[in-house]
Amino acid sequence: MSLKFAKLHGLGNNYIYLDLVTQQTSFTNWEQLAKAVSDINFGIGSDGLILILPGSNGTDFRMRMFNSDGSEGRMCGNGIRCLAKYVYDNGLTKNECINVDTLAGRLQLSLQVVANRVEQVRVNMGAPRLTRNELPMSIGDPNNQCLNEPLEVANQMVHITAVSMGNPHAIIFVDNVQTAPVTTLGPLIENHPAFPDRTNVEFIEVVTPQHLKMRVWERGSGETMACGTGACASTVAAILLNKASRHCQVQLLGGTLDVEWAEDGDVYMTGPATYVADGHFCQQWLENV
């Protein structure tokens, strides 16, 4: 069984991609494969695994994504931009506007093509989900928002704002993102009982109303170089707390995303997608996954 893969990244948030549109496989243990390929020592090294599948009901493609711990995520902003680059650059589509099904819903992507290659992708991320029952969040009134509210974590109080962009985010505003306790506080909030499905955790420094700095602890993957849904959720949170304008540049460890919470109620994210490599899984390695 020969199985081709590709590696791409969006601002350093990198995934292994399997094209299941043009190739077939009897392999189905995606959770274990995600853990195996993500391992930098015994696999390839990545933030997870993304499957590119045929679309249905009017969509062009369907995306499934798995974090490095094997858990399946509902959406990935950086990952879906790279999916768009893969399908266009490899001739799976000639369209510069495509629709992709995800567990978080159907998303529309506009591809910015230069010399027959995708360089930037603008994603309509849809409207943010702001109530606790949409996150989900198990404490407080399920029909209310969570805006800068105290949460007890390891005998200390932190103030969080909760936003879902198809996946949950807990946003914390800090004075200096460089010294923020991402790797210590992040996993504690990720696994806090208030979030029954766990949560992503963003630490945000407001430089100006148009410029945010961000570090992220991703649910199921740990600290990563970038998180597209996190950048969108953090922009929404900053706007709700009157800290930011409706159009921001979000600076992450891997680079900068353009995020706009438009007047139509939807959030639009624009950023790059970069091809790293193609390859084939060694059959003996794949059989031992």
Protein backbone atom coordinates (compact mmCIF):
# COMPACT_ATOMS: atom_id res chain seq x y z
CA MET A 1 0.00 0.00 0.00
CA SER A 2 1.60 3.25 -1.17
CA LEU A 3 0.21 6.41 0.39
CA LYS A 4 1.37 9.83 -0.72
CA PHE A 5 1.46 12.74 1.71
CA ALA A 6 2.40 16.41 1.65
CA LYS A 7 3.56 18.77 4.36
CA LEU A 8 2.42 22.39 4.36
CA HIS A 9 2.39 25.18 6.91
CA GLY A 10 0.51 28.38 7.56
CA LEU A 11 2.76 30.72 9.56
CA GLY A 12 4.57 27.72 11.03
CA ASN A 13 1.36 25.90 12.03
CA ASN A 14 2.23 22.76 10.07
CA TYR A 15 0.27 19.65 9.10
CA ILE A 16 0.66 16.46 7.14
CA TYR A 17 -1.93 16.30 4.34
CA LEU A 18 -3.43 13.20 2.76
CA ASP A 19 -5.17 13.64 -0.59
CA LEU A 20 -8.06 11.17 -0.43
CA VAL A 21 -9.68 12.70 -3.52
CA THR A 22 -7.25 11.23 -6.05
CA GLN A 23 -5.92 8.26 -4.08
CA GLN A 24 -7.65 5.46 -2.23
CA THR A 25 -6.56 3.58 0.85
CA SER A 26 -7.91 0.91 3.18
CA PHE A 27 -6.20 2.65 6.11
CA THR A 28 -8.68 4.16 8.58
CA ASN A 29 -6.86 4.58 11.92
CA TRP A 30 -6.47 8.33 11.48
CA GLU A 31 -6.21 9.09 15.20
CA GLN A 32 -3.17 6.86 15.61
CA LEU A 33 -1.63 8.07 12.33
CA ALA A 34 -1.97 11.68 13.49
CA LYS A 35 0.01 10.86 16.64
CA ALA A 36 2.59 8.91 14.68
CA VAL A 37 3.28 11.50 11.97
CA SER A 38 3.37 14.35 14.48
CA ASP A 39 6.21 12.74 16.43
CA ILE A 40 9.40 14.58 15.48
CA ASN A 41 11.63 11.65 16.44
CA PHE A 42 9.75 8.59 15.17
CA GLY A 43 7.52 10.22 12.54
CA ILE A 44 7.75 13.36 10.45
CA GLY A 45 7.01 16.15 12.91
CA SER A 46 3.84 18.24 12.67
CA ASP A 47 0.96 19.80 14.58
CA GLY A 48 -1.33 17.07 13.29
CA LEU A 49 -2.92 15.41 10.27
CA ILE A 50 -5.41 16.80 7.74
CA LEU A 51 -7.45 14.69 5.33
CA ILE A 52 -8.61 16.18 2.03
CA LEU A 53 -11.84 14.46 0.99
CA PRO A 54 -14.35 14.85 -1.85
CA GLY A 55 -17.06 17.40 -1.24
CA SER A 56 -20.78 16.74 -1.24
CA ASN A 57 -24.06 18.68 -1.38
CA GLY A 58 -22.53 21.45 -3.46
CA THR A 59 -19.17 21.76 -1.72
CA ASP A 60 -15.86 21.31 -3.51
CA PHE A 61 -13.99 19.49 -0.74
CA ARG A 62 -14.31 18.23 2.82
CA MET A 63 -11.66 18.58 5.51
CA ARG A 64 -11.02 16.43 8.56
CA MET A 65 -8.25 17.46 10.94
CA PHE A 66 -6.60 15.61 13.80
CA ASN A 67 -4.42 17.17 16.47
CA SER A 68 -1.03 15.76 17.40
CA ASP A 69 -2.59 13.86 20.32
CA GLY A 70 -4.96 12.07 17.92
CA SER A 71 -8.10 13.98 18.89
CA GLU A 72 -10.25 15.22 16.02
CA GLY A 73 -10.72 18.97 15.78
CA ARG A 74 -13.67 20.77 14.27
CA MET A 75 -11.70 23.38 12.33
CA CYS A 76 -8.24 24.80 11.72
CA GLY A 77 -7.81 28.22 10.16
CA ASN A 78 -4.18 27.79 9.10
CA GLY A 79 -4.88 24.23 8.04
CA ILE A 80 -7.76 25.12 5.74
CA ARG A 81 -5.69 27.78 3.96
CA CYS A 82 -3.04 25.15 3.25
CA LEU A 83 -5.74 22.76 2.01
CA ALA A 84 -6.76 25.44 -0.50
CA LYS A 85 -3.18 25.78 -1.70
CA TYR A 86 -2.79 22.02 -2.05
CA VAL A 87 -5.95 21.46 -4.11
CA TYR A 88 -5.24 24.38 -6.45
CA ASP A 89 -1.51 23.89 -6.91
CA ASN A 90 -2.00 20.16 -7.54
CA GLY A 91 -4.79 20.63 -10.07
CA LEU A 92 -7.68 19.27 -8.00
CA THR A 93 -9.56 22.49 -8.80
CA LYS A 94 -9.23 25.40 -11.19
CA ASN A 95 -11.56 27.59 -9.16
CA GLU A 96 -10.21 30.57 -7.25
CA CYS A 97 -13.22 30.47 -4.93
CA ILE A 98 -14.02 27.15 -3.25
CA ASN A 99 -16.35 25.85 -0.56
CA VAL A 100 -15.05 23.39 2.04
CA ASP A 101 -17.06 21.34 4.51
CA THR A 102 -15.69 21.05 8.05
CA LEU A 103 -17.12 19.82 11.33
CA ALA A 104 -17.59 23.52 12.14
CA GLY A 105 -19.68 24.07 9.01
CA ARG A 106 -19.21 25.06 5.37
CA LEU A 107 -16.56 27.72 4.73
CA GLN A 108 -15.91 29.83 1.63
CA LEU A 109 -12.29 30.44 0.62
CA SER A 110 -10.98 33.04 -1.85
CA LEU A 111 -7.61 32.11 -3.33
CA GLN A 112 -5.05 34.75 -4.26
CA VAL A 113 -3.09 33.20 -7.13
CA VAL A 114 0.27 34.43 -8.44
CA ALA A 115 1.99 32.64 -11.35
CA ASN A 116 -0.44 29.70 -11.07
CA ARG A 117 0.32 29.18 -7.38
CA VAL A 118 -1.72 30.13 -4.32
CA GLU A 119 0.11 32.62 -2.10
CA GLN A 120 -2.64 33.95 0.17
CA VAL A 121 -6.09 32.69 1.12
CA ARG A 122 -9.00 34.70 2.48
CA VAL A 123 -11.39 32.58 4.52
CA ASN A 124 -14.91 33.53 5.52
CA MET A 125 -14.84 31.98 8.99
CA GLY A 126 -18.51 32.69 9.60
CA ALA A 127 -20.04 34.40 12.61
CA PRO A 128 -18.47 33.89 16.04
CA ARG A 129 -20.43 31.86 18.60
CA LEU A 130 -20.57 33.79 21.82
CA THR A 131 -22.90 32.06 24.28
CA ARG A 132 -21.68 29.43 26.73
CA ASN A 133 -23.85 26.67 25.29
CA GLU A 134 -22.27 27.26 21.86
CA LEU A 135 -18.72 26.86 23.15
CA PRO A 136 -19.57 24.69 25.17
CA MET A 137 -18.91 26.00 28.67
CA SER A 138 -20.35 24.30 31.74
CA ILE A 139 -20.44 27.17 34.23
CA GLY A 140 -22.72 30.21 34.26
CA ASP A 141 -25.92 30.90 32.34
CA PRO A 142 -25.70 28.87 29.11
CA ASN A 143 -27.43 31.66 27.17
CA ASN A 144 -25.00 34.37 28.27
CA GLN A 145 -21.57 35.38 27.06
CA CYS A 146 -18.37 35.01 29.06
CA LEU A 147 -16.66 38.41 28.92
CA ASN A 148 -13.56 39.05 31.02
CA GLU A 149 -14.85 36.80 33.80
CA PRO A 150 -12.76 35.34 36.62
CA LEU A 151 -11.90 31.65 36.45
CA GLU A 152 -10.14 29.86 39.28
CA VAL A 153 -7.18 27.89 37.96
CA ALA A 154 -4.68 26.20 40.29
CA ASN A 155 -5.59 28.45 43.25
CA GLN A 156 -5.33 31.66 41.23
CA MET A 157 -7.86 33.80 39.40
CA VAL A 158 -7.49 34.58 35.72
CA HIS A 159 -9.91 36.59 33.63
CA ILE A 160 -11.07 34.97 30.41
CA THR A 161 -13.27 35.85 27.47
CA ALA A 162 -14.74 32.83 25.69
CA VAL A 163 -15.41 32.73 21.94
CA SER A 164 -16.05 29.86 19.55
CA MET A 165 -15.07 29.95 15.88
CA GLY A 166 -16.39 26.43 15.42
CA ASN A 167 -13.94 25.38 18.14
CA PRO A 168 -13.67 26.83 21.66
CA HIS A 169 -11.22 29.54 22.73
CA ALA A 170 -10.46 31.07 26.11
CA ILE A 171 -8.76 34.45 25.63
CA ILE A 172 -6.61 36.12 28.28
CA PHE A 173 -5.29 39.67 27.88
CA VAL A 174 -1.78 40.24 29.21
CA ASP A 175 0.67 43.16 29.44
CA ASN A 176 3.51 41.27 27.76
CA VAL A 177 2.83 38.24 25.60
CA GLN A 178 6.50 37.26 25.61
CA THR A 179 6.44 36.54 29.34
CA ALA A 180 2.91 35.09 29.44
CA PRO A 181 2.60 31.69 31.19
CA VAL A 182 1.56 29.89 28.01
CA THR A 183 3.10 26.50 28.76
CA THR A 184 2.08 26.39 32.43
CA LEU A 185 -1.35 28.05 32.51
CA GLY A 186 -2.33 26.94 29.00
CA PRO A 187 -2.72 23.21 29.69
CA LEU A 188 -4.52 23.87 32.98
CA ILE A 189 -7.16 25.99 31.25
CA GLU A 190 -7.34 23.61 28.28
CA ASN A 191 -8.40 20.82 30.64
CA HIS A 192 -10.43 22.92 33.09
CA PRO A 193 -13.83 21.43 34.09
CA ALA A 194 -15.49 24.60 32.81
CA PHE A 195 -14.74 23.38 29.27
CA PRO A 196 -16.20 19.88 28.83
CA ASP A 197 -14.70 19.58 25.32
CA ARG A 198 -11.44 21.21 26.41
CA THR A 199 -10.43 24.56 24.91
CA ASN A 200 -7.73 26.44 23.06
CA VAL A 201 -6.10 29.19 25.13
CA GLU A 202 -4.88 32.52 23.71
CA PHE A 203 -2.69 35.08 25.46
CA ILE A 204 -3.13 38.52 23.87
CA GLU A 205 -1.16 41.74 24.15
CA VAL A 206 -2.89 44.81 22.69
CA VAL A 207 -0.19 46.93 21.04
CA THR A 208 -2.66 49.28 19.34
CA PRO A 209 -6.36 48.89 18.48
CA GLN A 210 -5.22 47.63 15.06
CA HIS A 211 -2.31 45.46 16.24
CA LEU A 212 -2.54 42.44 18.54
CA LYS A 213 0.25 40.11 19.61
CA MET A 214 -0.73 36.53 20.36
CA ARG A 215 0.62 33.27 21.70
CA VAL A 216 -1.52 30.17 21.76
CA TRP A 217 -1.82 26.88 23.60
CA GLU A 218 -3.77 24.69 21.18
CA ARG A 219 -6.13 22.04 22.39
CA GLY A 220 -4.53 18.68 21.69
CA SER A 221 -1.26 20.10 20.32
CA GLY A 222 0.32 22.38 22.93
CA GLU A 223 1.95 25.68 22.02
CA THR A 224 2.09 26.21 18.26
CA MET A 225 3.51 28.91 16.02
CA ALA A 226 0.08 30.11 14.93
CA CYS A 227 -3.66 29.42 15.20
CA GLY A 228 -6.04 30.91 12.65
CA THR A 229 -9.27 30.33 14.57
CA GLY A 230 -7.50 31.63 17.67
CA ALA A 231 -6.52 34.85 15.90
CA CYS A 232 -10.14 35.31 14.83
CA ALA A 233 -11.53 34.54 18.29
CA SER A 234 -9.03 36.87 19.93
CA THR A 235 -9.90 39.72 17.59
CA VAL A 236 -13.59 39.23 18.39
CA ALA A 237 -12.83 39.19 22.12
CA ALA A 238 -10.75 42.37 21.87
CA ILE A 239 -13.56 44.11 19.97
CA LEU A 240 -16.19 43.00 22.50
CA LEU A 241 -14.05 44.46 25.31
CA ASN A 242 -13.44 47.72 23.37
CA LYS A 243 -9.74 47.00 23.05
CA ALA A 244 -9.52 46.75 19.26
CA SER A 245 -10.99 47.98 15.99
CA ARG A 246 -12.95 45.70 13.69
CA HIS A 247 -9.93 45.17 11.42
CA CYS A 248 -6.70 43.98 13.04
CA GLN A 249 -3.28 42.61 12.28
CA VAL A 250 -2.66 39.68 14.61
CA GLN A 251 1.02 38.98 15.14
CA LEU A 252 1.80 35.36 16.03
CA LEU A 253 5.11 33.58 16.58
CA GLY A 254 5.07 32.40 12.95
CA GLY A 255 3.93 35.64 11.29
CA THR A 256 0.92 37.92 10.90
CA LEU A 257 -2.71 37.30 9.98
CA ASP A 258 -5.18 39.90 8.74
CA VAL A 259 -8.49 39.52 10.62
CA GLU A 260 -11.69 41.51 10.11
CA TRP A 261 -14.99 41.18 11.96
CA ALA A 262 -17.06 42.67 9.19
CA GLU A 263 -20.34 44.53 9.37
CA ASP A 264 -22.12 41.49 7.89
CA GLY A 265 -21.37 39.67 11.16
CA ASP A 266 -18.82 37.24 9.70
CA VAL A 267 -15.11 37.07 10.50
CA TYR A 268 -12.65 37.11 7.59
CA MET A 269 -9.10 35.83 7.94
CA THR A 270 -6.37 36.33 5.32
CA GLY A 271 -2.93 34.77 5.43
CA PRO A 272 -0.30 32.77 3.57
CA ALA A 273 0.05 29.06 2.88
CA THR A 274 3.40 27.40 2.18
CA TYR A 275 4.33 24.08 0.63
CA VAL A 276 7.14 22.19 2.39
CA ALA A 277 7.45 18.70 0.87
CA ASP A 278 5.86 15.70 -0.80
CA GLY A 279 6.56 12.10 0.13
CA HIS A 280 5.33 8.53 0.48
CA PHE A 281 4.85 6.64 3.70
CA CYS A 282 7.11 3.65 4.03
CA GLN A 283 4.79 0.62 4.06
CA GLN A 284 6.59 -1.09 6.91
CA TRP A 285 6.34 2.06 9.03
CA LEU A 286 2.66 2.49 8.15
CA GLU A 287 1.89 -1.12 9.07
CA ASN A 288 3.33 -0.51 12.53
CA VAL A 289 1.29 2.61 13.22
